[in-house]
Amino acid sequence: MEIITNMRKSIEEFQNVNIDGYIARNALYVRTLNNPNIRRDVVRRVDMAAAPDGISRAQISAGGTIPDEITTGAKEDIHPIWWIADAVIMNEAEISIDPTRWDLDVRVAMLECQRRENYTAINGDANHNITGIVGAAQANPRGSIVASGASGNQENNSGAWDGSEQDGKMDPYEDLRLATGMVNPEFPRSSLNLLGRPESLNYLWSKNEFRETYVSEIAGLFGRADGSTDFLIPCDYMPANTVYVVAKHMNAGEIVIAQDYDVDADYPRQKGKNRYAEIGGWVGFEIHDPSGFVQVAIN
């Protein structure tokens, strides 16, 4: 029990110290389930398109008249809750010398689980039919920003952010102004964040002809005060040469936590007098509305 207690302390310490490393939880709305044993999350979706006038099923009627029957169309979407885990193994002799010897392995396992959670939320997982932020943005019916050859609801960017285009003029403000306009207006600007690789977001610190950085101009597009940078989320798991506008809103996409990361050491003794434990948690990845995500080609 002392060993398990120390392991749980290591998990809690890791999550507190590395809170900024949970990219997916910073970018997507986080919802915690009350029952840790739930393995399928049921989401009821209201079908707004089925309204008679395409606006609402709610009706207006004068007092004293009999209103028409009002019905709200809804359907249920079922999302699996996935087990993300890594295993640790330690020899009994080492544990008996120092019950905290397992703690370093626990922190390493937590880092591996964090990486898997982040990568899956961003890029999805075809083998498990999980759609990530990138896939959602590519499916946004409201459009995207492309490097060239725009068609339909796409828009060309104003020039490569790295300045590689000959006689090209970069204008990240205009690119992001168009991109934030492609987000479903249901999602307030204050819910928007910008994800990209560190080197991609670094271009925003370039200066325009007035010697002003672009990052100081674009904060208002994300519902923040001038000069704010809290909407920028750097992550190496993002595709190169693109950034993504993401609405952190429960109707856009969610990280659903049935059971946060914990230790399970309730396993028989292994061969070689080794002890086995798993560090893992039950997490769901749910994209509800692709129009909350916009892909922006920057080069």
C-alpha atoms as a PDB file:
ATOM      1  CA  MET A   1       0.000   0.000   0.000  1.00  0.00           C
ATOM      2  CA  GLU A   2       2.922   2.349   0.680  1.00  0.00           C
ATOM      3  CA  ILE A   3       4.243   1.727  -2.825  1.00  0.00           C
ATOM      4  CA  ILE A   4       0.850   2.342  -4.439  1.00  0.00           C
ATOM      5  CA  THR A   5       0.367   5.506  -2.363  1.00  0.00           C
ATOM      6  CA  ASN A   6       3.733   6.812  -3.549  1.00  0.00           C
ATOM      7  CA  MET A   7       2.838   5.988  -7.146  1.00  0.00           C
ATOM      8  CA  ARG A   8      -0.446   7.884  -6.881  1.00  0.00           C
ATOM      9  CA  LYS A   9       1.400  10.858  -5.422  1.00  0.00           C
ATOM     10  CA  SER A  10       3.743  10.764  -8.420  1.00  0.00           C
ATOM     11  CA  ILE A  11       0.771  10.774 -10.811  1.00  0.00           C
ATOM     12  CA  GLU A  12      -0.821  13.740  -9.039  1.00  0.00           C
ATOM     13  CA  GLU A  13       2.494  15.605  -8.970  1.00  0.00           C
ATOM     14  CA  PHE A  14       3.060  14.960 -12.676  1.00  0.00           C
ATOM     15  CA  GLN A  15      -0.366  16.285 -13.622  1.00  0.00           C
ATOM     16  CA  ASN A  16       0.051  19.408 -11.496  1.00  0.00           C
ATOM     17  CA  VAL A  17       3.553  20.213 -12.744  1.00  0.00           C
ATOM     18  CA  ASN A  18       2.843  19.357 -16.390  1.00  0.00           C
ATOM     19  CA  ILE A  19      -0.620  20.861 -16.685  1.00  0.00           C
ATOM     20  CA  ASP A  20       0.455  22.940 -19.707  1.00  0.00           C
ATOM     21  CA  GLY A  21       1.618  19.755 -21.406  1.00  0.00           C
ATOM     22  CA  TYR A  22      -1.962  18.492 -21.713  1.00  0.00           C
ATOM     23  CA  ILE A  23      -2.373  20.138 -25.128  1.00  0.00           C
ATOM     24  CA  ALA A  24      -5.630  18.339 -25.919  1.00  0.00           C
ATOM     25  CA  ARG A  25      -7.231  19.416 -22.643  1.00  0.00           C
ATOM     26  CA  ASN A  26      -6.116  23.013 -23.216  1.00  0.00           C
ATOM     27  CA  ALA A  27      -7.530  23.065 -26.743  1.00  0.00           C
ATOM     28  CA  LEU A  28     -10.764  21.094 -26.298  1.00  0.00           C
ATOM     29  CA  TYR A  29     -13.574  21.338 -23.772  1.00  0.00           C
ATOM     30  CA  VAL A  30     -13.028  18.867 -20.914  1.00  0.00           C
ATOM     31  CA  ARG A  31     -15.998  16.980 -19.469  1.00  0.00           C
ATOM     32  CA  THR A  32     -15.673  14.577 -16.534  1.00  0.00           C
ATOM     33  CA  LEU A  33     -18.163  11.748 -16.147  1.00  0.00           C
ATOM     34  CA  ASN A  34     -19.647  10.949 -12.747  1.00  0.00           C
ATOM     35  CA  ASN A  35     -19.342   7.194 -13.202  1.00  0.00           C
ATOM     36  CA  PRO A  36     -15.754   5.935 -13.756  1.00  0.00           C
ATOM     37  CA  ASN A  37     -17.093   2.640 -15.127  1.00  0.00           C
ATOM     38  CA  ILE A  38     -18.766   4.167 -18.192  1.00  0.00           C
ATOM     39  CA  ARG A  39     -17.218   2.867 -21.405  1.00  0.00           C
ATOM     40  CA  ARG A  40     -19.609   4.466 -23.912  1.00  0.00           C
ATOM     41  CA  ASP A  41     -20.612   8.111 -23.745  1.00  0.00           C
ATOM     42  CA  VAL A  42     -24.073   8.876 -25.149  1.00  0.00           C
ATOM     43  CA  VAL A  43     -24.541  12.387 -26.561  1.00  0.00           C
ATOM     44  CA  ARG A  44     -27.999  13.613 -27.560  1.00  0.00           C
ATOM     45  CA  ARG A  45     -27.850  15.804 -30.656  1.00  0.00           C
ATOM     46  CA  VAL A  46     -30.744  18.135 -31.514  1.00  0.00           C
ATOM     47  CA  ASP A  47     -31.506  18.187 -35.243  1.00  0.00           C
ATOM     48  CA  MET A  48     -31.885  21.909 -35.933  1.00  0.00           C
ATOM     49  CA  ALA A  49     -31.968  21.373 -39.705  1.00  0.00           C
ATOM     50  CA  ALA A  50     -35.249  19.480 -39.361  1.00  0.00           C
ATOM     51  CA  ALA A  51     -37.087  22.607 -38.187  1.00  0.00           C
ATOM     52  CA  PRO A  52     -39.883  23.586 -40.625  1.00  0.00           C
ATOM     53  CA  ASP A  53     -38.228  26.898 -41.470  1.00  0.00           C
ATOM     54  CA  GLY A  54     -34.651  25.756 -40.851  1.00  0.00           C
ATOM     55  CA  ILE A  55     -34.411  28.046 -37.825  1.00  0.00           C
ATOM     56  CA  SER A  56     -36.265  26.554 -34.885  1.00  0.00           C
ATOM     57  CA  ARG A  57     -39.038  24.119 -33.978  1.00  0.00           C
ATOM     58  CA  ALA A  58     -40.318  26.586 -31.383  1.00  0.00           C
ATOM     59  CA  GLN A  59     -43.450  28.335 -32.632  1.00  0.00           C
ATOM     60  CA  ILE A  60     -45.190  31.666 -32.092  1.00  0.00           C
ATOM     61  CA  SER A  61     -48.927  31.630 -31.438  1.00  0.00           C
ATOM     62  CA  ALA A  62     -51.429  34.218 -30.285  1.00  0.00           C
ATOM     63  CA  GLY A  63     -53.084  33.907 -26.899  1.00  0.00           C
ATOM     64  CA  GLY A  64     -56.279  31.882 -26.941  1.00  0.00           C
ATOM     65  CA  THR A  65     -55.321  29.908 -30.043  1.00  0.00           C
ATOM     66  CA  ILE A  66     -54.380  26.248 -30.175  1.00  0.00           C
ATOM     67  CA  PRO A  67     -50.714  26.001 -31.149  1.00  0.00           C
ATOM     68  CA  ASP A  68     -49.449  23.346 -33.504  1.00  0.00           C
ATOM     69  CA  GLU A  69     -47.807  20.323 -31.980  1.00  0.00           C
ATOM     70  CA  ILE A  70     -44.196  21.088 -31.071  1.00  0.00           C
ATOM     71  CA  THR A  71     -41.591  18.366 -31.336  1.00  0.00           C
ATOM     72  CA  THR A  72     -37.838  18.510 -31.063  1.00  0.00           C
ATOM     73  CA  GLY A  73     -35.928  16.107 -33.255  1.00  0.00           C
ATOM     74  CA  ALA A  74     -32.960  14.504 -31.522  1.00  0.00           C
ATOM     75  CA  LYS A  75     -30.709  11.541 -32.024  1.00  0.00           C
ATOM     76  CA  GLU A  76     -28.112   9.804 -29.924  1.00  0.00           C
ATOM     77  CA  ASP A  77     -24.443   9.579 -30.852  1.00  0.00           C
ATOM     78  CA  ILE A  78     -22.424   6.920 -29.054  1.00  0.00           C
ATOM     79  CA  HIS A  79     -18.725   7.588 -28.435  1.00  0.00           C
ATOM     80  CA  PRO A  80     -16.390   4.922 -26.998  1.00  0.00           C
ATOM     81  CA  ILE A  81     -14.266   5.661 -23.956  1.00  0.00           C
ATOM     82  CA  TRP A  82     -10.725   4.434 -24.595  1.00  0.00           C
ATOM     83  CA  TRP A  83      -8.112   2.958 -22.246  1.00  0.00           C
ATOM     84  CA  ILE A  84      -4.777   4.794 -22.494  1.00  0.00           C
ATOM     85  CA  ALA A  85      -2.090   3.073 -20.448  1.00  0.00           C
ATOM     86  CA  ASP A  86       1.558   2.170 -20.056  1.00  0.00           C
ATOM     87  CA  ALA A  87       3.061  -0.564 -17.891  1.00  0.00           C
ATOM     88  CA  VAL A  88       5.863  -0.467 -15.333  1.00  0.00           C
ATOM     89  CA  ILE A  89       7.820  -3.437 -13.999  1.00  0.00           C
ATOM     90  CA  MET A  90      10.118  -3.464 -10.975  1.00  0.00           C
ATOM     91  CA  ASN A  91      12.022  -6.211  -9.185  1.00  0.00           C
ATOM     92  CA  GLU A  92      10.910  -7.016  -5.634  1.00  0.00           C
ATOM     93  CA  ALA A  93      14.436  -6.594  -4.329  1.00  0.00           C
ATOM     94  CA  GLU A  94      14.622  -3.009  -5.566  1.00  0.00           C
ATOM     95  CA  ILE A  95      11.200  -2.198  -4.135  1.00  0.00           C
ATOM     96  CA  SER A  96      12.093  -3.650  -0.744  1.00  0.00           C
ATOM     97  CA  ILE A  97      15.199  -1.453  -0.573  1.00  0.00           C
ATOM     98  CA  ASP A  98      13.292   1.713  -1.491  1.00  0.00           C
ATOM     99  CA  PRO A  99       9.487   1.799  -1.963  1.00  0.00           C
ATOM    100  CA  THR A 100       9.856   5.002  -4.015  1.00  0.00           C
ATOM    101  CA  ARG A 101      12.038   3.350  -6.691  1.00  0.00           C
ATOM    102  CA  TRP A 102       8.969   2.900  -8.886  1.00  0.00           C
ATOM    103  CA  ASP A 103       8.118   6.600  -8.868  1.00  0.00           C
ATOM    104  CA  LEU A 104      10.471   7.584 -11.709  1.00  0.00           C
ATOM    105  CA  ASP A 105       9.004   4.865 -13.921  1.00  0.00           C
ATOM    106  CA  VAL A 106       5.538   6.158 -13.050  1.00  0.00           C
ATOM    107  CA  ARG A 107       6.438   9.666 -14.212  1.00  0.00           C
ATOM    108  CA  VAL A 108       7.844   8.282 -17.458  1.00  0.00           C
ATOM    109  CA  ALA A 109       4.662   6.244 -17.995  1.00  0.00           C
ATOM    110  CA  MET A 110       2.562   9.344 -17.360  1.00  0.00           C
ATOM    111  CA  LEU A 111       4.565  11.244 -19.974  1.00  0.00           C
ATOM    112  CA  GLU A 112       3.928   8.464 -22.490  1.00  0.00           C
ATOM    113  CA  CYS A 113       0.196   8.499 -21.746  1.00  0.00           C
ATOM    114  CA  GLN A 114       0.106  12.291 -22.058  1.00  0.00           C
ATOM    115  CA  ARG A 115       1.805  12.087 -25.455  1.00  0.00           C
ATOM    116  CA  ARG A 116      -0.653   9.469 -26.689  1.00  0.00           C
ATOM    117  CA  GLU A 117      -3.636  11.517 -25.479  1.00  0.00           C
ATOM    118  CA  ASN A 118      -2.353  14.695 -27.159  1.00  0.00           C
ATOM    119  CA  TYR A 119      -1.448  13.026 -30.448  1.00  0.00           C
ATOM    120  CA  THR A 120      -4.782  11.205 -30.693  1.00  0.00           C
ATOM    121  CA  ALA A 121      -6.861  14.310 -29.963  1.00  0.00           C
ATOM    122  CA  ILE A 122      -4.954  16.242 -32.635  1.00  0.00           C
ATOM    123  CA  ASN A 123      -4.422  13.681 -35.390  1.00  0.00           C
ATOM    124  CA  GLY A 124      -7.056  11.081 -34.595  1.00  0.00           C
ATOM    125  CA  ASP A 125      -6.584   7.331 -34.918  1.00  0.00           C
ATOM    126  CA  ALA A 126      -7.782   5.588 -38.078  1.00  0.00           C
ATOM    127  CA  ASN A 127      -7.502   2.125 -36.494  1.00  0.00           C
ATOM    128  CA  HIS A 128     -10.005   3.090 -33.801  1.00  0.00           C
ATOM    129  CA  ASN A 129     -12.138   5.390 -35.980  1.00  0.00           C
ATOM    130  CA  ILE A 130     -11.229   8.461 -33.901  1.00  0.00           C
ATOM    131  CA  THR A 131     -11.447  11.859 -35.599  1.00  0.00           C
ATOM    132  CA  GLY A 132      -9.014  14.460 -34.330  1.00  0.00           C
ATOM    133  CA  ILE A 133      -8.739  18.222 -34.635  1.00  0.00           C
ATOM    134  CA  VAL A 134      -6.927  17.994 -37.983  1.00  0.00           C
ATOM    135  CA  GLY A 135      -9.550  15.718 -39.521  1.00  0.00           C
ATOM    136  CA  ALA A 136     -12.365  17.883 -38.176  1.00  0.00           C
ATOM    137  CA  ALA A 137     -10.817  21.039 -39.672  1.00  0.00           C
ATOM    138  CA  GLN A 138     -10.424  19.345 -43.042  1.00  0.00           C
ATOM    139  CA  ALA A 139     -14.141  18.493 -42.945  1.00  0.00           C
ATOM    140  CA  ASN A 140     -15.285  22.013 -42.001  1.00  0.00           C
ATOM    141  CA  PRO A 141     -18.132  22.846 -44.436  1.00  0.00           C
ATOM    142  CA  ARG A 142     -17.547  26.572 -43.915  1.00  0.00           C
ATOM    143  CA  GLY A 143     -14.133  26.472 -45.567  1.00  0.00           C
ATOM    144  CA  SER A 144     -10.395  26.697 -44.991  1.00  0.00           C
ATOM    145  CA  ILE A 145      -7.369  28.816 -45.904  1.00  0.00           C
ATOM    146  CA  VAL A 146      -5.116  27.254 -48.559  1.00  0.00           C
ATOM    147  CA  ALA A 147      -1.716  28.251 -49.931  1.00  0.00           C
ATOM    148  CA  SER A 148      -3.008  28.583 -53.504  1.00  0.00           C
ATOM    149  CA  GLY A 149      -5.664  27.326 -55.907  1.00  0.00           C
ATOM    150  CA  ALA A 150      -8.633  28.090 -53.681  1.00  0.00           C
ATOM    151  CA  SER A 151     -12.000  26.816 -54.852  1.00  0.00           C
ATOM    152  CA  GLY A 152     -15.522  26.738 -53.463  1.00  0.00           C
ATOM    153  CA  ASN A 153     -15.547  28.040 -49.904  1.00  0.00           C
ATOM    154  CA  GLN A 154     -11.738  28.081 -49.640  1.00  0.00           C
ATOM    155  CA  GLU A 155      -9.608  31.231 -49.534  1.00  0.00           C
ATOM    156  CA  ASN A 156      -5.989  31.702 -50.587  1.00  0.00           C
ATOM    157  CA  ASN A 157      -3.675  33.027 -47.921  1.00  0.00           C
ATOM    158  CA  SER A 158      -2.066  36.443 -48.323  1.00  0.00           C
ATOM    159  CA  GLY A 159       1.422  35.020 -48.746  1.00  0.00           C
ATOM    160  CA  ALA A 160       3.760  32.528 -47.130  1.00  0.00           C
ATOM    161  CA  TRP A 161       4.459  33.377 -43.499  1.00  0.00           C
ATOM    162  CA  ASP A 162       8.107  32.365 -43.892  1.00  0.00           C
ATOM    163  CA  GLY A 163       8.627  34.966 -46.638  1.00  0.00           C
ATOM    164  CA  SER A 164       9.658  32.325 -49.169  1.00  0.00           C
ATOM    165  CA  GLU A 165       7.435  33.632 -51.971  1.00  0.00           C
ATOM    166  CA  GLN A 166       9.211  35.963 -54.339  1.00  0.00           C
ATOM    167  CA  ASP A 167       7.697  39.432 -54.098  1.00  0.00           C
ATOM    168  CA  GLY A 168       5.159  37.909 -51.721  1.00  0.00           C
ATOM    169  CA  LYS A 169       3.660  39.813 -48.839  1.00  0.00           C
ATOM    170  CA  MET A 170       2.715  37.948 -45.703  1.00  0.00           C
ATOM    171  CA  ASP A 171      -0.336  39.092 -43.790  1.00  0.00           C
ATOM    172  CA  PRO A 172      -1.173  36.697 -40.923  1.00  0.00           C
ATOM    173  CA  TYR A 173      -3.816  39.113 -39.643  1.00  0.00           C
ATOM    174  CA  GLU A 174      -5.825  38.861 -42.860  1.00  0.00           C
ATOM    175  CA  ASP A 175      -5.385  35.076 -43.016  1.00  0.00           C
ATOM    176  CA  LEU A 176      -6.601  34.641 -39.444  1.00  0.00           C
ATOM    177  CA  ARG A 177      -9.381  37.180 -39.914  1.00  0.00           C
ATOM    178  CA  LEU A 178     -10.743  35.030 -42.726  1.00  0.00           C
ATOM    179  CA  ALA A 179     -10.173  31.833 -40.735  1.00  0.00           C
ATOM    180  CA  THR A 180     -11.960  32.991 -37.583  1.00  0.00           C
ATOM    181  CA  GLY A 181     -14.851  34.035 -39.823  1.00  0.00           C
ATOM    182  CA  MET A 182     -15.138  30.417 -40.973  1.00  0.00           C
ATOM    183  CA  VAL A 183     -15.878  29.239 -37.432  1.00  0.00           C
ATOM    184  CA  ASN A 184     -19.530  28.571 -36.673  1.00  0.00           C
ATOM    185  CA  PRO A 185     -20.777  31.836 -35.079  1.00  0.00           C
ATOM    186  CA  GLU A 186     -22.410  29.722 -32.366  1.00  0.00           C
ATOM    187  CA  PHE A 187     -18.969  29.549 -30.796  1.00  0.00           C
ATOM    188  CA  PRO A 188     -17.915  32.873 -29.212  1.00  0.00           C
ATOM    189  CA  ARG A 189     -14.584  34.403 -30.175  1.00  0.00           C
ATOM    190  CA  SER A 190     -13.392  34.131 -26.598  1.00  0.00           C
ATOM    191  CA  SER A 191     -13.504  30.332 -26.970  1.00  0.00           C
ATOM    192  CA  LEU A 192     -11.070  30.336 -29.909  1.00  0.00           C
ATOM    193  CA  ASN A 193      -7.448  29.221 -29.706  1.00  0.00           C
ATOM    194  CA  LEU A 194      -4.696  28.888 -32.314  1.00  0.00           C
ATOM    195  CA  LEU A 195      -2.735  25.639 -32.502  1.00  0.00           C
ATOM    196  CA  GLY A 196       0.446  25.092 -34.453  1.00  0.00           C
ATOM    197  CA  ARG A 197       4.020  23.949 -34.300  1.00  0.00           C
ATOM    198  CA  PRO A 198       6.287  26.295 -32.303  1.00  0.00           C
ATOM    199  CA  GLU A 199       8.109  27.340 -35.479  1.00  0.00           C
ATOM    200  CA  SER A 200       4.781  28.085 -37.194  1.00  0.00           C
ATOM    201  CA  LEU A 201       3.484  30.283 -34.377  1.00  0.00           C
ATOM    202  CA  ASN A 202       6.872  31.993 -34.134  1.00  0.00           C
ATOM    203  CA  TYR A 203       6.178  33.755 -37.459  1.00  0.00           C
ATOM    204  CA  LEU A 204       3.556  35.804 -35.624  1.00  0.00           C
ATOM    205  CA  TRP A 205       6.374  37.634 -33.867  1.00  0.00           C
ATOM    206  CA  SER A 206       7.562  38.990 -37.220  1.00  0.00           C
ATOM    207  CA  LYS A 207       7.103  42.728 -37.651  1.00  0.00           C
ATOM    208  CA  ASN A 208       5.112  44.519 -40.316  1.00  0.00           C
ATOM    209  CA  GLU A 209       6.147  47.700 -42.108  1.00  0.00           C
ATOM    210  CA  PHE A 210       5.142  49.690 -39.016  1.00  0.00           C
ATOM    211  CA  ARG A 211       7.514  47.600 -36.838  1.00  0.00           C
ATOM    212  CA  GLU A 212       4.581  46.043 -35.008  1.00  0.00           C
ATOM    213  CA  THR A 213       4.402  42.317 -34.368  1.00  0.00           C
ATOM    214  CA  TYR A 214       1.500  40.440 -35.884  1.00  0.00           C
ATOM    215  CA  VAL A 215       0.787  38.693 -32.590  1.00  0.00           C
ATOM    216  CA  SER A 216      -0.059  42.058 -31.031  1.00  0.00           C
ATOM    217  CA  GLU A 217      -2.663  42.663 -33.753  1.00  0.00           C
ATOM    218  CA  ILE A 218      -4.517  39.370 -33.847  1.00  0.00           C
ATOM    219  CA  ALA A 219      -5.518  38.989 -30.177  1.00  0.00           C
ATOM    220  CA  GLY A 220      -8.860  40.686 -30.850  1.00  0.00           C
ATOM    221  CA  LEU A 221      -9.699  38.068 -33.481  1.00  0.00           C
ATOM    222  CA  PHE A 222      -9.627  35.532 -30.661  1.00  0.00           C
ATOM    223  CA  GLY A 223     -11.632  37.635 -28.236  1.00  0.00           C
ATOM    224  CA  ARG A 224      -8.587  38.624 -26.188  1.00  0.00           C
ATOM    225  CA  ALA A 225      -7.168  41.967 -25.130  1.00  0.00           C
ATOM    226  CA  ASP A 226      -4.483  43.537 -27.324  1.00  0.00           C
ATOM    227  CA  GLY A 227      -1.091  42.027 -26.627  1.00  0.00           C
ATOM    228  CA  SER A 228      -2.494  38.832 -25.110  1.00  0.00           C
ATOM    229  CA  THR A 229      -0.930  35.545 -26.213  1.00  0.00           C
ATOM    230  CA  ASP A 230      -2.856  33.064 -24.068  1.00  0.00           C
ATOM    231  CA  PHE A 231      -4.749  31.818 -27.145  1.00  0.00           C
ATOM    232  CA  LEU A 232      -1.559  30.445 -28.738  1.00  0.00           C
ATOM    233  CA  ILE A 233      -0.998  26.735 -28.115  1.00  0.00           C
ATOM    234  CA  PRO A 234       2.287  25.351 -29.508  1.00  0.00           C
ATOM    235  CA  CYS A 235       2.503  21.622 -30.156  1.00  0.00           C
ATOM    236  CA  ASP A 236       4.975  19.555 -32.176  1.00  0.00           C
ATOM    237  CA  TYR A 237       2.250  17.068 -33.113  1.00  0.00           C
ATOM    238  CA  MET A 238       0.573  19.565 -35.456  1.00  0.00           C
ATOM    239  CA  PRO A 239       1.188  19.162 -39.215  1.00  0.00           C
ATOM    240  CA  ALA A 240       3.923  21.360 -40.677  1.00  0.00           C
ATOM    241  CA  ASN A 241       3.083  24.559 -42.561  1.00  0.00           C
ATOM    242  CA  THR A 242      -0.417  24.803 -41.091  1.00  0.00           C
ATOM    243  CA  VAL A 243      -2.058  26.295 -38.035  1.00  0.00           C
ATOM    244  CA  TYR A 244      -5.530  25.547 -36.719  1.00  0.00           C
ATOM    245  CA  VAL A 245      -8.223  27.752 -35.247  1.00  0.00           C
ATOM    246  CA  VAL A 246     -10.010  25.674 -32.599  1.00  0.00           C
ATOM    247  CA  ALA A 247     -13.170  26.494 -30.646  1.00  0.00           C
ATOM    248  CA  LYS A 248     -12.899  25.291 -27.048  1.00  0.00           C
ATOM    249  CA  HIS A 249     -16.616  24.707 -26.733  1.00  0.00           C
ATOM    250  CA  MET A 250     -18.568  21.623 -25.662  1.00  0.00           C
ATOM    251  CA  ASN A 251     -20.625  21.696 -28.854  1.00  0.00           C
ATOM    252  CA  ALA A 252     -17.485  21.668 -31.019  1.00  0.00           C
ATOM    253  CA  GLY A 253     -15.371  18.915 -29.492  1.00  0.00           C
ATOM    254  CA  GLU A 254     -14.588  17.364 -26.132  1.00  0.00           C
ATOM    255  CA  ILE A 255     -12.098  15.381 -24.137  1.00  0.00           C
ATOM    256  CA  VAL A 256     -14.293  13.149 -21.978  1.00  0.00           C
ATOM    257  CA  ILE A 257     -12.701  11.706 -18.848  1.00  0.00           C
ATOM    258  CA  ALA A 258     -14.410   8.735 -17.278  1.00  0.00           C
ATOM    259  CA  GLN A 259     -11.470   7.971 -15.000  1.00  0.00           C
ATOM    260  CA  ASP A 260      -8.348  10.096 -14.887  1.00  0.00           C
ATOM    261  CA  TYR A 261      -4.944   8.450 -14.750  1.00  0.00           C
ATOM    262  CA  ASP A 262      -4.396   6.110 -11.828  1.00  0.00           C
ATOM    263  CA  VAL A 263      -2.306   3.070 -10.910  1.00  0.00           C
ATOM    264  CA  ASP A 264      -3.453  -0.543 -10.965  1.00  0.00           C
ATOM    265  CA  ALA A 265      -0.971  -2.900  -9.286  1.00  0.00           C
ATOM    266  CA  ASP A 266      -3.459  -5.667  -8.545  1.00  0.00           C
ATOM    267  CA  TYR A 267      -1.620  -8.268 -10.632  1.00  0.00           C
ATOM    268  CA  PRO A 268       0.027 -11.576  -9.661  1.00  0.00           C
ATOM    269  CA  ARG A 269       3.719 -11.723  -9.033  1.00  0.00           C
ATOM    270  CA  GLN A 270       5.605 -12.078 -12.317  1.00  0.00           C
ATOM    271  CA  LYS A 271       8.462 -14.402 -13.239  1.00  0.00           C
ATOM    272  CA  GLY A 272      11.861 -13.367 -11.914  1.00  0.00           C
ATOM    273  CA  LYS A 273      10.306 -11.958  -8.720  1.00  0.00           C
ATOM    274  CA  ASN A 274       9.032  -8.919 -10.594  1.00  0.00           C
ATOM    275  CA  ARG A 275       6.011  -6.783  -9.855  1.00  0.00           C
ATOM    276  CA  TYR A 276       3.815  -5.417 -12.659  1.00  0.00           C
ATOM    277  CA  ALA A 277       1.582  -2.323 -12.611  1.00  0.00           C
ATOM    278  CA  GLU A 278      -0.338  -0.263 -15.152  1.00  0.00           C
ATOM    279  CA  ILE A 279      -0.621   3.496 -15.278  1.00  0.00           C
ATOM    280  CA  GLY A 280      -3.696   4.436 -17.265  1.00  0.00           C
ATOM    281  CA  GLY A 281      -6.955   6.289 -17.616  1.00  0.00           C
ATOM    282  CA  TRP A 282     -10.264   6.056 -19.478  1.00  0.00           C
ATOM    283  CA  VAL A 283     -10.551   8.935 -21.966  1.00  0.00           C
ATOM    284  CA  GLY A 284     -12.888   9.734 -24.859  1.00  0.00           C
ATOM    285  CA  PHE A 285     -12.267  11.899 -27.934  1.00  0.00           C
ATOM    286  CA  GLU A 286     -15.419  13.447 -29.368  1.00  0.00           C
ATOM    287  CA  ILE A 287     -15.800  15.800 -32.327  1.00  0.00           C
ATOM    288  CA  HIS A 288     -19.367  17.122 -32.486  1.00  0.00           C
ATOM    289  CA  ASP A 289     -19.204  19.968 -35.022  1.00  0.00           C
ATOM    290  CA  PRO A 290     -16.388  20.280 -37.604  1.00  0.00           C
ATOM    291  CA  SER A 291     -17.306  23.937 -38.155  1.00  0.00           C
ATOM    292  CA  GLY A 292     -15.563  24.690 -34.871  1.00  0.00           C
ATOM    293  CA  PHE A 293     -12.180  23.935 -36.461  1.00  0.00           C
ATOM    294  CA  VAL A 294     -10.424  25.745 -39.329  1.00  0.00           C
ATOM    295  CA  GLN A 295      -7.216  24.757 -41.120  1.00  0.00           C
ATOM    296  CA  VAL A 296      -4.918  27.578 -42.218  1.00  0.00           C
ATOM    297  CA  ALA A 297      -2.076  26.915 -44.658  1.00  0.00           C
ATOM    298  CA  ILE A 298       0.758  29.327 -43.879  1.00  0.00           C
ATOM    299  CA  ASN A 299       3.422  28.267 -46.403  1.00  0.00           C
END
